Amino acid sequence: MSAEALLACNVNLTLLFEACVDHMDHEQSTSEKMRQLHAMQILACLFRALFAKKRLSYFNIIHLLTRLDKADAVFGALIQRIQRLLLQPSTRSWALVLTLVIVSGNDHVNQSNLNGYFMHHSIVSTLMEIIRDLQANPMQQQDAMMIWSLLSNYNKYEIRNEYLDQLHTCKDTHVLETMMNILQDMLNMMQKKYETLKDDEETVPKAMVTFMTRWFSPTHTLPPDIDLPASLEDLPSSESAFLLILYELVCHNPHFIVILARASVSKSSPAEPTLVGSILSFSTYLFQHNRNPRSFLYTRLILLVLLRLSEEDTFLNSMRNETAIMQIRLCRQRPPPLPRIKNPRLFFVIVLDSLLLYIKHNMRKKLDMSTYKVSFSVMHRVLCYLRKHKMRLEYHWMLLWPVLTSMLHFIVAHLEELREREDFGPFLSLFICIINLYITHGETFIADTKSYDTLFYEIIRATDDFNALSQSVNRGSPTKNRGDSNGRSNAVSYSDFGNIRLICNHFNPALEEWQTSHHVKSLTPNQVMNIINENYATLDLAPMDKLESFSIYNEVPAEMGFFRQVLRTVVNDYSKTIVPRLQ
């Protein structure tokens, strides 16, 4: 029926709605209990059908279901009865489905007047009881988590939200550990769906055997082409909706951080799965296959999770523990893949690999600079922590340097378009800051001199790009004067390239002189490295201030618009799990 036709038959809908609410009251017999289930099923279908009418406002929906003067009393009674049925194992599943349908609305959670009733009649303690209940099945616990997640995000910037307060202050270890285990299972499930695209753990001989077997099999099934958008349109899968509550817990609940860190150091072996390992492993698959609007949102969201983890000294101090080393699978589905490393490694090393993959595989003409800035912020925090604690990492730094200079070359090649965008200032400032951190303080966290020398080699190779960028800055700042929510200055000055110019001006003449004296037309990489070694002692770099300064991440106001987008995407994704239960 059209929205107009529905409004004309509101009497029947009101009678149906109020009858269902009445039947959800205390049951007296088996038949009454069956009526309770039927009432919730009808209401779930009714609400979902009404929300699907784009021309029906929430005011219209309330008018259709009950008279406006009775709305507060009827909807208050409905929520109280839902809460009572949530606590009964026999009615819990349908009570959860009905609650999810009402809370989700037409995907505009913040615009739903109905969610205001959940604010006045809080069910958060009931949701925690379901998560805590050992007899509850996993789907019920997942539904309870998702309802908590959605309601905690209802107008959270405009009103005091008890669901959000409880999520941020929850100290119930059993509830938090249960949610941590569910989140870990969700991440592992999502990763397996990426793994079906291509077995990136196969050796070359095994891959050839697999390919030939598929080719000559009677069904002739070939693996999906990971370069085709159609292969990735459903990825990441709908379970990604749980990344929102993961973010809230990591970002705002200090007790959850303690439990997260404790689980990472108390495992029996490096190969034992942990939530931290699952976050890092899944992120590498997401970053390599970031090809649609949904994946853009979830990529940024998981980078914000990594950003908050990289700012938590309690967590990072635990990650230095030898028992915190992890042996996890990183995505190797796109060339050139990272080396296959079987040895357990520290969190800091693995997060650098994850960032390397993001930077390498997401350079596109319409560069997502705001998300790149988050990835640079994560790297910046990690480097600051390593320098502060004088931790020297055994890491394949020589694979990271070309990725950074490729980013530089991309910036220079698209400078005219990028400089007009408002977020270019913070993006460029942080990028140059990271390069200066490697140059100025690299000896404190880079374990071997060869890797440090290779950094200078890559800088020398990128001399033209650095000169072009610094000259552009010198002619007039390419940035717009806007504030940076993460506390760094937007202004990129010519002096920020000072040490880079010193390196180029120091080594390039030495290289030219060697070429001339040895009558060599072009130098090999080994010859360049030898000349760098011979002339390094006479290089005098200038000290640089404020390279390690940053403000702790703050969601408000910079990310408010982003999280409204995330909330709508989360609702749409989780709704896909509700539809089959209504059929």
Protein backbone atom coordinates (compact mmCIF):
# COMPACT_ATOMS: atom_id res chain seq x y z
CA MET A 1 0.00 0.00 0.00
CA SER A 2 1.04 3.59 -0.53
CA ALA A 3 1.85 5.78 2.46
CA GLU A 4 -1.34 7.75 1.81
CA ALA A 5 -3.48 4.59 1.76
CA LEU A 6 -1.93 3.43 5.03
CA LEU A 7 -2.73 6.70 6.74
CA ALA A 8 -6.35 6.23 5.72
CA CYS A 9 -6.65 2.88 7.53
CA ASN A 10 -4.93 3.84 10.77
CA VAL A 11 -7.82 2.52 12.90
CA ASN A 12 -7.14 -1.11 11.92
CA LEU A 13 -3.37 -0.73 12.36
CA THR A 14 -3.88 0.86 15.79
CA LEU A 15 -6.10 -2.03 16.87
CA LEU A 16 -3.55 -4.58 15.61
CA PHE A 17 -0.62 -2.80 17.30
CA GLU A 18 -2.33 -2.40 20.66
CA ALA A 19 -3.57 -6.01 20.59
CA CYS A 20 0.00 -7.22 20.03
CA VAL A 21 1.29 -5.06 22.90
CA ASP A 22 -1.45 -6.49 25.17
CA HIS A 23 -0.58 -10.08 24.24
CA MET A 24 3.05 -9.45 25.15
CA ASP A 25 2.01 -9.10 28.79
CA HIS A 26 2.37 -11.90 31.36
CA GLU A 27 1.63 -15.32 29.93
CA GLN A 28 -0.76 -17.63 31.78
CA SER A 29 -0.62 -20.77 29.65
CA THR A 30 1.21 -22.41 26.77
CA SER A 31 -1.18 -20.87 24.29
CA GLU A 32 -0.61 -17.41 25.80
CA LYS A 33 3.16 -17.87 25.47
CA MET A 34 2.64 -18.78 21.81
CA ARG A 35 0.57 -15.61 21.43
CA GLN A 36 3.46 -13.62 22.89
CA LEU A 37 5.80 -15.00 20.22
CA HIS A 38 3.24 -14.36 17.47
CA ALA A 39 2.67 -10.81 18.75
CA MET A 40 6.41 -10.04 18.57
CA GLN A 41 6.67 -11.57 15.10
CA ILE A 42 3.75 -9.49 13.83
CA LEU A 43 5.14 -6.32 15.39
CA ALA A 44 8.60 -6.93 13.91
CA CYS A 45 7.12 -7.37 10.42
CA LEU A 46 4.76 -4.40 10.91
CA PHE A 47 7.51 -2.01 12.05
CA ARG A 48 9.84 -3.13 9.28
CA ALA A 49 7.14 -2.62 6.63
CA LEU A 50 6.29 0.84 7.95
CA PHE A 51 9.96 1.90 8.09
CA ALA A 52 10.31 0.85 4.45
CA LYS A 53 7.77 3.53 3.42
CA LYS A 54 10.08 6.41 2.57
CA ARG A 55 7.25 8.97 2.69
CA LEU A 56 6.16 8.02 6.20
CA SER A 57 7.77 10.15 8.90
CA TYR A 58 8.26 8.78 12.40
CA PHE A 59 5.46 11.11 13.48
CA ASN A 60 3.19 9.40 10.91
CA ILE A 61 4.23 5.95 12.12
CA ILE A 62 3.41 6.80 15.73
CA HIS A 63 0.07 8.22 14.57
CA LEU A 64 -0.69 5.01 12.66
CA LEU A 65 0.12 2.73 15.59
CA THR A 66 -1.48 4.59 18.47
CA ARG A 67 -3.13 7.92 19.17
CA LEU A 68 -0.56 10.64 19.86
CA ASP A 69 -2.00 11.37 23.30
CA LYS A 70 -1.46 7.69 24.23
CA ALA A 71 1.97 7.27 22.57
CA ASP A 72 4.11 7.76 25.68
CA ALA A 73 2.10 5.28 27.73
CA VAL A 74 1.77 2.63 24.99
CA PHE A 75 5.39 2.72 23.83
CA GLY A 76 6.60 2.84 27.43
CA ALA A 77 4.55 -0.30 28.12
CA LEU A 78 5.90 -1.94 24.95
CA ILE A 79 9.52 -1.44 26.00
CA GLN A 80 8.87 -2.66 29.54
CA ARG A 81 7.27 -5.82 28.15
CA ILE A 82 10.14 -6.31 25.69
CA GLN A 83 12.56 -6.01 28.60
CA ARG A 84 10.69 -8.66 30.58
CA LEU A 85 10.60 -11.02 27.57
CA LEU A 86 14.31 -10.48 26.92
CA LEU A 87 15.04 -12.06 30.31
CA GLN A 88 13.04 -15.22 29.52
CA PRO A 89 14.99 -17.80 27.48
CA SER A 90 11.86 -19.00 25.66
CA THR A 91 10.98 -15.54 24.31
CA ARG A 92 14.42 -13.91 24.18
CA SER A 93 15.25 -14.49 20.50
CA TRP A 94 12.11 -12.81 19.16
CA ALA A 95 12.29 -10.03 21.73
CA LEU A 96 15.80 -9.28 20.46
CA VAL A 97 14.66 -9.29 16.82
CA LEU A 98 11.77 -6.94 17.61
CA THR A 99 14.10 -4.60 19.52
CA LEU A 100 16.60 -4.58 16.66
CA VAL A 101 13.88 -3.74 14.13
CA ILE A 102 12.54 -0.86 16.22
CA VAL A 103 15.98 0.55 17.07
CA SER A 104 17.22 0.30 13.47
CA GLY A 105 14.23 2.18 12.08
CA ASN A 106 14.71 3.13 8.44
CA ASP A 107 18.51 3.27 9.05
CA HIS A 108 18.33 6.84 10.43
CA VAL A 109 18.88 5.78 14.05
CA ASN A 110 19.44 9.36 15.18
CA GLN A 111 16.20 10.61 13.60
CA SER A 112 13.99 7.93 15.10
CA ASN A 113 11.65 9.35 17.73
CA LEU A 114 11.00 5.77 18.83
CA ASN A 115 14.54 5.46 20.16
CA GLY A 116 13.75 8.27 22.57
CA TYR A 117 11.53 5.79 24.43
CA PHE A 118 14.55 3.49 24.90
CA MET A 119 16.35 6.46 26.46
CA HIS A 120 13.50 7.01 28.95
CA HIS A 121 13.12 3.27 29.67
CA SER A 122 16.69 1.97 29.62
CA ILE A 123 17.23 -1.73 28.88
CA VAL A 124 21.02 -1.60 29.14
CA SER A 125 21.19 -3.74 32.29
CA THR A 126 19.08 -6.38 30.53
CA LEU A 127 21.39 -6.37 27.51
CA MET A 128 24.37 -6.86 29.83
CA GLU A 129 22.55 -9.73 31.53
CA ILE A 130 22.07 -11.48 28.16
CA ILE A 131 25.75 -11.04 27.26
CA ARG A 132 26.71 -12.35 30.69
CA ASP A 133 24.30 -15.34 30.52
CA LEU A 134 26.19 -18.58 29.93
CA GLN A 135 22.97 -20.21 28.67
CA ALA A 136 22.41 -17.59 25.95
CA ASN A 137 23.29 -18.73 22.44
CA PRO A 138 25.90 -16.75 20.43
CA MET A 139 23.30 -15.15 18.14
CA GLN A 140 21.42 -13.77 21.15
CA GLN A 141 24.63 -12.33 22.61
CA GLN A 142 25.52 -10.80 19.24
CA ASP A 143 22.05 -9.23 18.96
CA ALA A 144 22.35 -7.81 22.48
CA MET A 145 25.76 -6.32 21.62
CA MET A 146 24.41 -4.77 18.43
CA ILE A 147 21.39 -3.22 20.19
CA TRP A 148 23.74 -1.78 22.81
CA SER A 149 26.02 -0.45 20.06
CA LEU A 150 23.17 1.23 18.13
CA LEU A 151 21.49 2.75 21.17
CA SER A 152 24.81 4.03 22.52
CA ASN A 153 25.23 5.95 19.25
CA TYR A 154 21.72 7.47 19.33
CA ASN A 155 22.20 11.27 19.27
CA LYS A 156 25.32 10.79 21.37
CA TYR A 157 26.61 14.26 20.51
CA GLU A 158 23.37 15.99 21.54
CA ILE A 159 22.09 14.19 24.66
CA ARG A 160 23.35 12.32 27.67
CA ASN A 161 23.09 8.68 26.66
CA GLU A 162 23.00 6.05 29.40
CA TYR A 163 23.85 3.25 26.97
CA LEU A 164 27.01 5.11 25.93
CA ASP A 165 27.92 5.89 29.55
CA GLN A 166 27.52 2.25 30.55
CA LEU A 167 29.55 1.06 27.56
CA HIS A 168 32.39 3.43 28.44
CA THR A 169 32.40 2.69 32.18
CA CYS A 170 31.55 -1.03 32.23
CA LYS A 171 33.92 -2.92 34.56
CA ASP A 172 32.15 -6.27 34.45
CA THR A 173 35.03 -8.51 33.43
CA HIS A 174 32.79 -11.35 32.30
CA VAL A 175 30.71 -9.06 30.06
CA LEU A 176 33.82 -7.47 28.53
CA GLU A 177 35.57 -10.81 28.00
CA THR A 178 32.46 -12.24 26.33
CA MET A 179 32.27 -9.24 23.99
CA MET A 180 35.99 -9.56 23.29
CA ASN A 181 35.54 -13.23 22.30
CA ILE A 182 32.55 -12.42 20.08
CA LEU A 183 34.49 -9.64 18.35
CA GLN A 184 37.41 -11.99 17.79
CA ASP A 185 35.11 -14.60 16.25
CA MET A 186 33.53 -11.96 13.99
CA LEU A 187 36.92 -10.76 12.73
CA ASN A 188 38.08 -14.31 12.05
CA MET A 189 34.86 -15.09 10.19
CA MET A 190 35.22 -11.98 8.02
CA GLN A 191 38.85 -12.76 7.26
CA LYS A 192 37.99 -16.28 6.10
CA LYS A 193 35.68 -14.77 3.48
CA TYR A 194 38.64 -12.82 2.11
CA GLU A 195 40.80 -15.93 2.20
CA THR A 196 38.38 -17.70 -0.15
CA LEU A 197 39.33 -15.17 -2.85
CA LYS A 198 42.85 -16.52 -3.00
CA ASP A 199 44.93 -18.83 -0.81
CA ASP A 200 47.80 -16.49 -0.01
CA GLU A 201 49.49 -19.12 2.14
CA GLU A 202 50.07 -21.44 -0.81
CA THR A 203 53.59 -22.04 -2.08
CA VAL A 204 54.14 -21.54 -5.82
CA PRO A 205 54.18 -25.30 -6.64
CA LYS A 206 51.04 -25.88 -4.59
CA ALA A 207 49.32 -22.92 -6.26
CA MET A 208 50.10 -24.37 -9.70
CA VAL A 209 48.69 -27.77 -8.71
CA THR A 210 45.52 -26.10 -7.34
CA PHE A 211 45.08 -24.06 -10.53
CA MET A 212 45.54 -27.05 -12.84
CA THR A 213 43.19 -29.16 -10.74
CA ARG A 214 40.48 -26.52 -11.02
CA TRP A 215 41.10 -25.99 -14.73
CA PHE A 216 40.78 -29.64 -15.67
CA SER A 217 38.05 -30.56 -13.20
CA PRO A 218 34.63 -31.46 -14.70
CA THR A 219 33.04 -28.34 -13.19
CA HIS A 220 35.94 -26.16 -14.36
CA THR A 221 35.73 -23.80 -11.38
CA LEU A 222 38.21 -20.96 -11.28
CA PRO A 223 38.83 -18.76 -8.25
CA PRO A 224 37.29 -15.28 -8.29
CA ASP A 225 39.34 -12.50 -9.85
CA ILE A 226 40.31 -10.21 -6.98
CA ASP A 227 40.80 -7.32 -9.42
CA LEU A 228 37.15 -7.37 -10.48
CA PRO A 229 34.90 -5.07 -8.40
CA ALA A 230 32.16 -7.73 -8.53
CA SER A 231 34.38 -10.13 -6.54
CA LEU A 232 34.58 -7.61 -3.69
CA GLU A 233 31.12 -6.01 -3.70
CA ASP A 234 29.98 -8.03 -0.66
CA LEU A 235 33.26 -7.58 1.21
CA PRO A 236 33.82 -6.81 3.97
CA SER A 237 30.88 -8.95 5.03
CA SER A 238 27.95 -7.72 7.13
CA GLU A 239 29.69 -8.78 10.36
CA SER A 240 31.73 -5.59 9.92
CA ALA A 241 28.92 -3.88 11.83
CA PHE A 242 30.62 -5.09 15.02
CA LEU A 243 33.62 -2.85 14.34
CA LEU A 244 31.58 0.07 15.71
CA ILE A 245 31.29 -1.38 19.21
CA LEU A 246 34.94 -2.49 19.02
CA TYR A 247 35.84 1.15 18.37
CA GLU A 248 33.73 2.40 21.29
CA LEU A 249 35.33 -0.10 23.69
CA VAL A 250 38.90 0.54 22.57
CA CYS A 251 38.41 4.29 22.39
CA HIS A 252 36.60 4.92 25.66
CA ASN A 253 36.69 1.95 28.06
CA PRO A 254 40.02 1.74 29.94
CA HIS A 255 39.03 -1.52 31.64
CA PHE A 256 38.53 -3.14 28.23
CA ILE A 257 42.07 -2.05 27.26
CA VAL A 258 43.43 -3.77 30.38
CA ILE A 259 41.57 -7.00 29.54
CA LEU A 260 42.72 -6.76 25.91
CA ALA A 261 46.36 -6.37 26.96
CA ARG A 262 46.11 -9.12 29.58
CA ALA A 263 44.73 -11.58 27.02
CA SER A 264 47.66 -10.78 24.71
CA VAL A 265 50.34 -11.55 27.31
CA SER A 266 48.68 -14.51 29.06
CA LYS A 267 48.25 -16.75 26.02
CA SER A 268 49.91 -20.18 26.10
CA SER A 269 51.76 -19.78 22.78
CA PRO A 270 52.44 -17.09 20.13
CA ALA A 271 50.11 -18.91 17.73
CA GLU A 272 47.13 -18.76 20.11
CA PRO A 273 44.49 -16.40 18.66
CA THR A 274 43.88 -13.08 20.43
CA LEU A 275 41.65 -10.13 19.61
CA VAL A 276 44.69 -7.90 18.97
CA GLY A 277 46.09 -10.44 16.52
CA SER A 278 42.70 -10.76 14.80
CA ILE A 279 42.42 -6.97 14.44
CA LEU A 280 45.86 -6.75 12.84
CA SER A 281 45.40 -9.79 10.60
CA PHE A 282 41.95 -8.73 9.35
CA SER A 283 43.12 -5.16 8.75
CA THR A 284 45.71 -6.32 6.20
CA TYR A 285 42.98 -8.04 4.14
CA LEU A 286 40.67 -5.04 4.40
CA PHE A 287 43.43 -2.62 3.38
CA GLN A 288 44.42 -4.63 0.32
CA HIS A 289 40.81 -4.90 -0.90
CA ASN A 290 39.53 -1.42 -0.09
CA ARG A 291 37.46 -0.91 -3.26
CA ASN A 292 33.93 0.25 -2.35
CA PRO A 293 32.22 2.88 -0.15
CA ARG A 294 31.55 0.39 2.67
CA SER A 295 35.16 -0.75 2.80
CA PHE A 296 36.29 2.91 2.86
CA LEU A 297 34.27 3.49 6.03
CA TYR A 298 35.39 0.32 7.77
CA THR A 299 39.02 0.89 6.75
CA ARG A 300 38.98 4.27 8.42
CA LEU A 301 37.20 2.82 11.46
CA ILE A 302 39.76 0.07 12.04
CA LEU A 303 42.59 2.58 11.55
CA LEU A 304 41.01 4.68 14.30
CA VAL A 305 41.01 1.56 16.50
CA LEU A 306 44.75 1.14 15.80
CA LEU A 307 45.28 4.84 16.48
CA ARG A 308 43.73 4.61 19.93
CA LEU A 309 45.71 1.47 20.74
CA SER A 310 48.92 3.22 19.68
CA GLU A 311 48.16 6.06 22.13
CA GLU A 312 47.56 3.82 25.16
CA ASP A 313 50.77 3.44 27.17
CA THR A 314 49.16 0.74 29.34
CA PHE A 315 48.52 -1.33 26.25
CA LEU A 316 51.85 -0.58 24.53
CA ASN A 317 53.84 -1.40 27.66
CA SER A 318 52.19 -4.83 27.69
CA MET A 319 53.00 -5.29 24.01
CA ARG A 320 56.72 -4.98 24.83
CA ASN A 321 56.48 -8.14 26.93
CA GLU A 322 58.14 -11.17 25.35
CA THR A 323 54.96 -13.21 25.93
CA ALA A 324 52.99 -10.72 23.79
CA ILE A 325 54.69 -11.79 20.55
CA MET A 326 52.22 -12.97 17.92
CA GLN A 327 52.34 -15.40 15.04
CA ILE A 328 49.55 -14.28 12.74
CA ARG A 329 48.63 -14.42 9.07
CA LEU A 330 49.02 -11.23 7.03
CA CYS A 331 47.41 -10.76 3.64
CA ARG A 332 49.64 -11.57 0.66
CA GLN A 333 46.98 -11.55 -2.06
CA ARG A 334 48.22 -8.56 -4.05
CA PRO A 335 51.70 -8.14 -5.56
CA PRO A 336 54.31 -7.51 -4.44
CA PRO A 337 53.49 -9.49 -1.28
CA LEU A 338 55.23 -9.02 2.02
CA PRO A 339 57.71 -11.76 2.94
CA ARG A 340 56.12 -14.83 4.48
CA ILE A 341 57.36 -14.66 8.08
CA LYS A 342 56.57 -17.58 10.34
CA ASN A 343 58.43 -16.33 13.41
CA PRO A 344 56.39 -14.67 16.16
CA ARG A 345 56.75 -10.87 16.21
CA LEU A 346 55.91 -7.89 18.39
CA PHE A 347 52.77 -5.78 17.94
CA PHE A 348 54.89 -2.80 16.79
CA VAL A 349 56.38 -4.74 13.88
CA ILE A 350 53.03 -6.15 12.74
CA VAL A 351 51.25 -2.80 12.90
CA LEU A 352 54.01 -1.28 10.72
CA ASP A 353 53.36 -4.05 8.17
CA SER A 354 49.65 -3.28 8.27
CA LEU A 355 50.30 0.43 7.66
CA LEU A 356 52.79 -0.36 4.90
CA LEU A 357 50.07 -2.35 3.11
CA TYR A 358 47.52 0.44 3.53
CA ILE A 359 49.87 3.12 2.14
CA LYS A 360 50.96 0.92 -0.77
CA HIS A 361 47.55 -0.33 -1.92
CA ASN A 362 45.35 2.77 -1.57
CA MET A 363 47.05 5.40 -3.75
CA ARG A 364 44.33 6.53 -6.14
CA LYS A 365 43.60 9.69 -8.04
CA LYS A 366 40.85 10.63 -5.59
CA LEU A 367 43.16 10.16 -2.63
CA ASP A 368 41.38 9.59 0.68
CA MET A 369 43.69 12.00 2.50
CA SER A 370 41.73 12.07 5.75
CA THR A 371 42.12 8.29 6.11
CA TYR A 372 45.76 8.44 5.03
CA LYS A 373 46.29 11.02 7.77
CA VAL A 374 44.91 8.53 10.30
CA SER A 375 47.34 5.87 9.04
CA PHE A 376 50.25 8.34 9.30
CA SER A 377 49.06 9.24 12.82
CA VAL A 378 49.24 5.57 13.85
CA MET A 379 52.77 5.32 12.47
CA HIS A 380 53.73 8.57 14.17
CA ARG A 381 52.50 7.35 17.59
CA VAL A 382 54.34 4.04 17.20
CA LEU A 383 57.61 5.77 16.24
CA CYS A 384 57.30 8.20 19.16
CA TYR A 385 56.82 5.30 21.57
CA LEU A 386 59.81 3.42 20.12
CA ARG A 387 62.03 6.47 20.42
CA LYS A 388 60.87 7.27 23.94
CA HIS A 389 61.71 3.74 25.12
CA LYS A 390 64.77 3.33 22.86
CA MET A 391 63.35 0.16 21.32
CA ARG A 392 65.26 -1.02 18.27
CA LEU A 393 63.05 -3.09 15.99
CA GLU A 394 64.18 -5.95 13.80
CA TYR A 395 62.03 -5.04 10.84
CA HIS A 396 62.27 -5.03 7.04
CA TRP A 397 62.66 -1.25 6.95
CA MET A 398 64.06 -1.48 3.43
CA LEU A 399 60.58 -2.45 2.21
CA LEU A 400 59.01 0.57 3.90
CA TRP A 401 61.27 3.29 2.46
CA PRO A 402 60.24 2.82 -1.22
CA VAL A 403 56.57 2.88 -0.17
CA LEU A 404 57.06 6.27 1.50
CA THR A 405 58.93 7.71 -1.50
CA SER A 406 56.19 6.32 -3.79
CA MET A 407 53.71 8.27 -1.68
CA LEU A 408 55.91 11.35 -2.11
CA HIS A 409 56.02 10.87 -5.88
CA PHE A 410 52.22 10.48 -5.96
CA ILE A 411 51.80 13.75 -4.04
CA VAL A 412 54.11 15.64 -6.40
CA ALA A 413 52.44 14.16 -9.49
CA HIS A 414 48.98 15.26 -8.28
CA LEU A 415 50.04 18.39 -6.41
CA GLU A 416 47.85 20.82 -8.32
CA GLU A 417 44.66 18.91 -7.49
CA LEU A 418 45.61 17.93 -3.95
CA ARG A 419 46.67 21.37 -2.78
CA GLU A 420 43.14 22.72 -3.34
CA ARG A 421 41.63 20.32 -0.84
CA GLU A 422 41.08 21.44 2.74
CA ASP A 423 42.58 18.32 4.32
CA PHE A 424 45.85 18.57 2.37
CA GLY A 425 47.52 20.67 5.10
CA PRO A 426 47.28 18.17 7.99
CA PHE A 427 48.01 15.30 5.59
CA LEU A 428 51.23 16.80 4.20
CA SER A 429 52.38 18.11 7.59
CA LEU A 430 52.16 14.66 9.16
CA PHE A 431 53.77 12.93 6.18
CA ILE A 432 56.83 15.21 6.25
CA CYS A 433 56.98 14.92 10.05
CA ILE A 434 57.23 11.12 9.78
CA ILE A 435 60.04 11.33 7.23
CA ASN A 436 61.88 13.75 9.50
CA LEU A 437 61.39 11.39 12.44
CA TYR A 438 63.03 8.58 10.49
CA ILE A 439 65.90 10.85 9.42
CA THR A 440 66.54 12.58 12.74
CA HIS A 441 65.85 9.82 15.26
CA GLY A 442 65.96 6.65 13.17
CA GLU A 443 69.13 5.42 14.89
CA THR A 444 67.17 4.98 18.13
CA PHE A 445 64.63 2.48 16.74
CA ILE A 446 66.19 1.06 13.54
CA ALA A 447 68.20 -1.97 14.58
CA ASP A 448 70.79 -2.13 11.77
CA THR A 449 72.88 0.54 10.05
CA LYS A 450 72.22 -0.89 6.58
CA SER A 451 68.50 -0.14 6.88
CA TYR A 452 69.31 3.40 8.00
CA ASP A 453 71.72 3.85 5.07
CA THR A 454 69.04 2.57 2.71
CA LEU A 455 66.73 5.34 3.96
CA PHE A 456 69.31 7.89 2.81
CA TYR A 457 69.63 6.03 -0.49
CA GLU A 458 65.88 6.35 -1.12
CA ILE A 459 65.88 10.03 -0.13
CA ILE A 460 68.71 10.70 -2.60
CA ARG A 461 66.78 8.87 -5.33
CA ALA A 462 63.76 11.08 -4.57
CA THR A 463 65.74 14.34 -4.65
CA ASP A 464 63.73 15.79 -7.55
CA ASP A 465 60.41 15.07 -5.84
CA PHE A 466 61.54 16.57 -2.53
CA ASN A 467 62.83 19.65 -4.34
CA ALA A 468 59.58 20.08 -6.26
CA LEU A 469 57.50 19.79 -3.09
CA SER A 470 59.71 22.07 -1.02
CA GLN A 471 59.79 24.70 -3.78
CA SER A 472 56.00 24.57 -3.98
CA VAL A 473 55.82 25.17 -0.23
CA ASN A 474 58.41 27.95 -0.46
CA ARG A 475 56.44 29.77 -3.19
CA GLY A 476 53.39 29.81 -0.99
CA SER A 477 51.91 27.29 1.41
CA PRO A 478 49.77 24.76 -0.46
CA THR A 479 47.68 24.27 2.65
CA LYS A 480 44.55 25.99 3.82
CA ASN A 481 44.69 27.39 7.35
CA ARG A 482 42.41 24.98 9.18
CA GLY A 483 42.76 23.29 12.54
CA ASP A 484 44.01 19.76 12.89
CA SER A 485 41.99 17.68 15.35
CA ASN A 486 45.05 15.60 16.24
CA GLY A 487 47.01 18.58 17.42
CA ARG A 488 49.60 19.08 14.70
CA SER A 489 50.14 22.38 12.97
CA ASN A 490 48.82 22.57 9.44
CA ALA A 491 51.62 24.83 8.28
CA VAL A 492 54.28 23.04 6.24
CA SER A 493 57.23 25.41 5.97
CA TYR A 494 60.34 25.39 3.81
CA SER A 495 62.40 24.75 6.96
CA ASP A 496 60.64 21.38 7.44
CA PHE A 497 62.65 20.18 4.43
CA GLY A 498 65.95 21.38 5.96
CA ASN A 499 67.47 17.99 6.85
CA ILE A 500 66.19 16.47 3.63
CA ARG A 501 68.01 19.20 1.67
CA LEU A 502 71.14 18.66 3.78
CA ILE A 503 71.14 14.96 2.88
CA CYS A 504 70.60 15.60 -0.84
CA ASN A 505 73.15 18.45 -0.98
CA HIS A 506 75.70 16.43 0.98
CA PHE A 507 75.56 13.13 -0.90
CA ASN A 508 74.67 14.14 -4.47
CA PRO A 509 77.96 16.06 -5.05
CA ALA A 510 79.89 13.13 -3.56
CA LEU A 511 78.12 10.75 -5.94
CA GLU A 512 78.84 13.01 -8.94
CA GLU A 513 82.46 13.39 -7.91
CA TRP A 514 82.89 9.62 -7.62
CA GLN A 515 81.30 9.12 -11.05
CA THR A 516 83.62 11.67 -12.61
CA SER A 517 86.78 10.36 -10.97
CA HIS A 518 85.96 6.74 -11.85
CA HIS A 519 84.58 7.55 -15.32
CA VAL A 520 81.31 5.76 -14.56
CA LYS A 521 78.17 6.77 -16.44
CA SER A 522 75.72 5.39 -13.89
CA LEU A 523 76.13 4.02 -10.40
CA THR A 524 74.89 0.67 -9.14
CA PRO A 525 72.92 0.54 -5.87
CA ASN A 526 75.90 -1.08 -4.13
CA GLN A 527 78.20 1.73 -5.27
CA VAL A 528 75.75 4.34 -4.00
CA MET A 529 75.50 2.57 -0.63
CA ASN A 530 79.30 2.47 -0.35
CA ILE A 531 79.55 6.20 -1.06
CA ILE A 532 76.85 6.90 1.55
CA ASN A 533 78.86 4.87 4.08
CA GLU A 534 82.08 6.71 3.24
CA ASN A 535 80.50 10.17 3.56
CA TYR A 536 78.04 9.64 6.41
CA ALA A 537 80.51 10.73 9.12
CA THR A 538 80.74 14.25 7.64
CA LEU A 539 76.97 14.74 7.47
CA ASP A 540 75.75 17.17 10.13
CA LEU A 541 71.97 17.09 10.53
CA ALA A 542 70.18 19.94 12.28
CA PRO A 543 68.06 19.27 15.39
CA MET A 544 64.31 19.49 14.76
CA ASP A 545 61.73 20.51 17.35
CA LYS A 546 58.25 19.14 18.02
CA LEU A 547 58.59 16.05 15.83
CA GLU A 548 57.18 13.94 18.64
CA SER A 549 54.40 16.26 19.78
CA PHE A 550 50.80 15.22 19.29
CA SER A 551 47.42 15.55 20.96
CA ILE A 552 45.44 12.47 21.93
CA TYR A 553 42.79 11.58 19.37
CA ASN A 554 39.42 13.21 19.98
CA GLU A 555 36.31 12.13 18.09
CA VAL A 556 34.56 15.47 18.55
CA PRO A 557 34.20 17.51 16.41
CA ALA A 558 36.43 16.19 13.60
CA GLU A 559 34.83 12.76 13.22
CA MET A 560 31.18 13.51 14.01
CA GLY A 561 30.03 13.48 10.37
CA PHE A 562 32.03 10.33 9.70
CA PHE A 563 30.38 8.43 12.55
CA ARG A 564 26.91 9.37 11.37
CA GLN A 565 27.83 7.71 8.07
CA VAL A 566 29.21 4.69 9.90
CA LEU A 567 26.04 4.32 11.96
CA ARG A 568 23.81 4.16 8.87
CA THR A 569 26.13 1.62 7.24
CA VAL A 570 26.19 -0.52 10.39
CA VAL A 571 22.37 -0.55 10.52
CA ASN A 572 22.11 -1.58 6.87
CA ASP A 573 24.70 -4.31 7.34
CA TYR A 574 23.23 -5.84 10.47
CA SER A 575 19.72 -5.66 9.03
CA LYS A 576 20.84 -8.32 6.56
CA THR A 577 20.95 -10.78 9.46
CA ILE A 578 17.41 -9.86 10.54
CA VAL A 579 15.60 -10.36 7.23
CA PRO A 580 16.04 -14.18 7.09
CA ARG A 581 14.61 -14.46 10.60
CA LEU A 582 11.42 -12.65 9.54
CA GLN A 583 10.76 -14.97 6.59
